[in-house]
Amino acid sequence: MPTDRLRAVTEQVAGLLERAETEPDHPTEPERVLFAEALAAVRAGGVDLLDTVTPHLWAYYRDLAEACGEDNLGMDPLADGDDIWEHVELTRSPRVSPGFGAPDEPSPCYVSFEGEVSWEPEHGLQVVFDHSGAVCRVGPYSGRLTNTGPFAGAVYGW
């Protein structure tokens, strides 16, 4: 269920989508069309789309808390009833990049957000949506658009 903080992040995301950057810097006309469709899909998903990210944020938090110990995260431990979005900052314009049709990047393009999370200041957060607006990657920033290797098919992963 969307929280007030998630609604606020959704408003921030809407503004960031208006300033999206593309890769390559000068996309071809077909790429511009795909990029516009992907941005429109993320925009249309709104708060409900971002809410689909929530369980993956929790998985990221819990994985790191288990690996490092909750006392070593530099923050008070989160309880199940806490709003994890209170610990997320998405302040950078998203990057829209083409997919390459390979098994590890099957979508024609991706919208990638980079941000910060309280529990992992070193690696931060990357949230990636595919051309249809579906979330396809949530985790520490790696620059990858999907999860490959042992996390193939997973949304959350290193």
Protein backbone atom coordinates (compact mmCIF):
# COMPACT_ATOMS: atom_id res chain seq x y z
CA MET A 1 0.00 0.00 0.00
CA PRO A 2 1.53 3.35 -1.00
CA THR A 3 2.73 5.53 1.86
CA ASP A 4 2.98 9.31 2.00
CA ARG A 5 6.74 9.02 1.47
CA LEU A 6 6.23 6.79 -1.58
CA ARG A 7 3.81 9.35 -3.00
CA ALA A 8 6.45 12.06 -2.47
CA VAL A 9 9.11 9.94 -4.20
CA THR A 10 6.66 9.37 -7.07
CA GLU A 11 6.35 13.14 -7.50
CA GLN A 12 10.15 13.46 -7.50
CA VAL A 13 10.40 10.71 -10.11
CA ALA A 14 7.87 12.50 -12.32
CA GLY A 15 10.07 15.59 -12.27
CA LEU A 16 13.22 13.55 -12.90
CA LEU A 17 11.62 11.88 -15.92
CA GLU A 18 11.30 15.31 -17.52
CA ARG A 19 15.09 15.66 -17.37
CA ALA A 20 16.03 12.13 -18.46
CA GLU A 21 19.39 11.72 -20.15
CA THR A 22 19.94 9.37 -23.05
CA GLU A 23 22.71 7.02 -24.01
CA PRO A 24 23.88 7.58 -26.66
CA ASP A 25 23.80 11.37 -26.27
CA HIS A 26 22.39 11.75 -29.79
CA PRO A 27 19.94 8.87 -30.27
CA THR A 28 18.62 7.89 -33.67
CA GLU A 29 14.96 8.57 -34.46
CA PRO A 30 13.93 4.94 -33.74
CA GLU A 31 15.80 5.12 -30.40
CA ARG A 32 14.08 8.43 -29.55
CA VAL A 33 10.69 6.79 -30.15
CA LEU A 34 11.58 3.81 -27.94
CA PHE A 35 12.97 6.08 -25.22
CA ALA A 36 9.84 8.24 -25.25
CA GLU A 37 7.66 5.12 -24.96
CA ALA A 38 9.69 3.81 -22.02
CA LEU A 39 9.57 7.14 -20.20
CA ALA A 40 5.82 7.36 -20.81
CA ALA A 41 5.36 3.83 -19.42
CA VAL A 42 7.25 4.65 -16.22
CA ARG A 43 5.35 7.94 -15.87
CA ALA A 44 2.00 6.19 -16.39
CA GLY A 45 2.84 3.55 -13.77
CA GLY A 46 3.04 6.24 -11.09
CA VAL A 47 2.84 5.29 -7.45
CA ASP A 48 1.59 1.77 -8.20
CA LEU A 49 4.67 1.05 -10.30
CA LEU A 50 7.03 2.37 -7.65
CA ASP A 51 5.18 0.31 -5.05
CA THR A 52 6.24 -2.83 -6.98
CA VAL A 53 9.83 -1.85 -6.07
CA THR A 54 9.08 -2.00 -2.31
CA PRO A 55 9.58 -5.75 -1.73
CA HIS A 56 12.86 -5.61 -3.65
CA LEU A 57 14.09 -2.73 -1.48
CA TRP A 58 13.31 -4.85 1.56
CA ALA A 59 15.23 -7.77 0.05
CA TYR A 60 18.22 -5.48 -0.58
CA TYR A 61 18.08 -4.14 2.98
CA ARG A 62 17.68 -7.58 4.58
CA ASP A 63 20.47 -9.10 2.51
CA LEU A 64 22.91 -6.39 3.55
CA ALA A 65 21.73 -6.47 7.19
CA GLU A 66 22.32 -10.21 7.26
CA ALA A 67 25.72 -9.95 5.60
CA CYS A 68 27.02 -7.04 7.72
CA GLY A 69 24.87 -7.21 10.83
CA GLU A 70 22.11 -4.69 11.50
CA ASP A 71 24.31 -2.88 14.02
CA ASN A 72 26.91 -2.18 11.32
CA LEU A 73 24.63 -0.42 8.84
CA GLY A 74 25.09 3.04 10.34
CA MET A 75 21.38 3.42 11.04
CA ASP A 76 18.74 2.07 13.39
CA PRO A 77 17.50 -1.34 12.23
CA LEU A 78 14.27 -1.34 10.24
CA ALA A 79 11.27 -3.28 11.51
CA ASP A 80 8.69 -4.92 9.26
CA GLY A 81 6.16 -2.11 9.81
CA ASP A 82 8.63 0.67 8.92
CA ASP A 83 8.36 2.62 5.69
CA ILE A 84 11.49 1.65 3.77
CA TRP A 85 10.90 4.55 1.36
CA GLU A 86 11.89 6.91 4.21
CA HIS A 87 15.44 5.67 3.56
CA VAL A 88 15.45 6.11 -0.23
CA GLU A 89 16.51 9.18 -2.21
CA LEU A 90 16.11 9.27 -5.99
CA THR A 91 17.50 12.67 -6.92
CA ARG A 92 19.41 12.06 -10.15
CA SER A 93 17.84 12.22 -13.59
CA PRO A 94 17.34 8.76 -15.05
CA ARG A 95 19.45 7.42 -17.87
CA VAL A 96 17.58 5.90 -20.83
CA SER A 97 19.67 3.34 -22.72
CA PRO A 98 19.02 0.90 -25.51
CA GLY A 99 18.95 -2.82 -24.83
CA PHE A 100 21.01 -4.97 -27.10
CA GLY A 101 18.60 -7.83 -27.70
CA ALA A 102 20.93 -10.22 -25.89
CA PRO A 103 19.50 -12.66 -23.34
CA ASP A 104 20.78 -10.46 -20.52
CA GLU A 105 19.20 -7.29 -22.00
CA PRO A 106 16.09 -8.43 -23.90
CA SER A 107 14.14 -5.16 -23.68
CA PRO A 108 14.61 -2.62 -26.50
CA CYS A 109 15.51 0.03 -23.89
CA TYR A 110 15.76 0.70 -20.16
CA VAL A 111 15.16 3.59 -17.77
CA SER A 112 17.73 3.52 -14.96
CA PHE A 113 17.55 5.58 -11.77
CA GLU A 114 20.50 5.99 -9.44
CA GLY A 115 20.00 7.08 -5.85
CA GLU A 116 20.93 6.63 -2.23
CA VAL A 117 19.72 4.35 0.55
CA SER A 118 20.52 4.79 4.22
CA TRP A 119 21.72 1.21 4.69
CA GLU A 120 24.30 1.25 1.86
CA PRO A 121 25.94 4.66 1.37
CA GLU A 122 28.89 3.19 -0.53
CA HIS A 123 27.01 1.46 -3.37
CA GLY A 124 23.70 3.32 -3.22
CA LEU A 125 20.71 2.21 -5.22
CA GLN A 126 19.90 1.48 -8.83
CA VAL A 127 16.31 0.92 -9.97
CA VAL A 128 15.81 -0.07 -13.60
CA PHE A 129 12.59 -0.29 -15.60
CA ASP A 130 12.26 -1.91 -19.00
CA HIS A 131 10.56 -0.50 -22.10
CA SER A 132 7.12 -1.53 -20.83
CA GLY A 133 7.68 0.18 -17.48
CA ALA A 134 8.12 -3.06 -15.54
CA VAL A 135 10.77 -3.05 -12.83
CA CYS A 136 13.62 -5.32 -13.88
CA ARG A 137 16.46 -4.51 -11.46
CA VAL A 138 16.72 -3.17 -7.91
CA GLY A 139 19.94 -3.22 -5.94
CA PRO A 140 23.26 -1.52 -5.39
CA TYR A 141 24.46 0.65 -8.23
CA SER A 142 26.42 -1.44 -10.73
CA GLY A 143 25.62 0.26 -14.01
CA ARG A 144 24.08 -3.00 -15.28
CA LEU A 145 20.56 -2.78 -16.62
CA THR A 146 19.50 -6.30 -15.66
CA ASN A 147 20.71 -8.99 -13.29
CA THR A 148 22.88 -11.56 -14.97
CA GLY A 149 24.85 -14.56 -13.79
CA PRO A 150 23.54 -16.14 -10.58
CA PHE A 151 20.76 -13.54 -10.35
CA ALA A 152 19.46 -14.07 -13.89
CA GLY A 153 15.71 -13.54 -13.91
CA ALA A 154 15.70 -11.91 -10.47
CA VAL A 155 14.75 -8.30 -9.93
CA TYR A 156 16.85 -7.81 -6.80
CA GLY A 157 20.50 -8.74 -6.86
CA TRP A 158 24.12 -7.70 -6.69
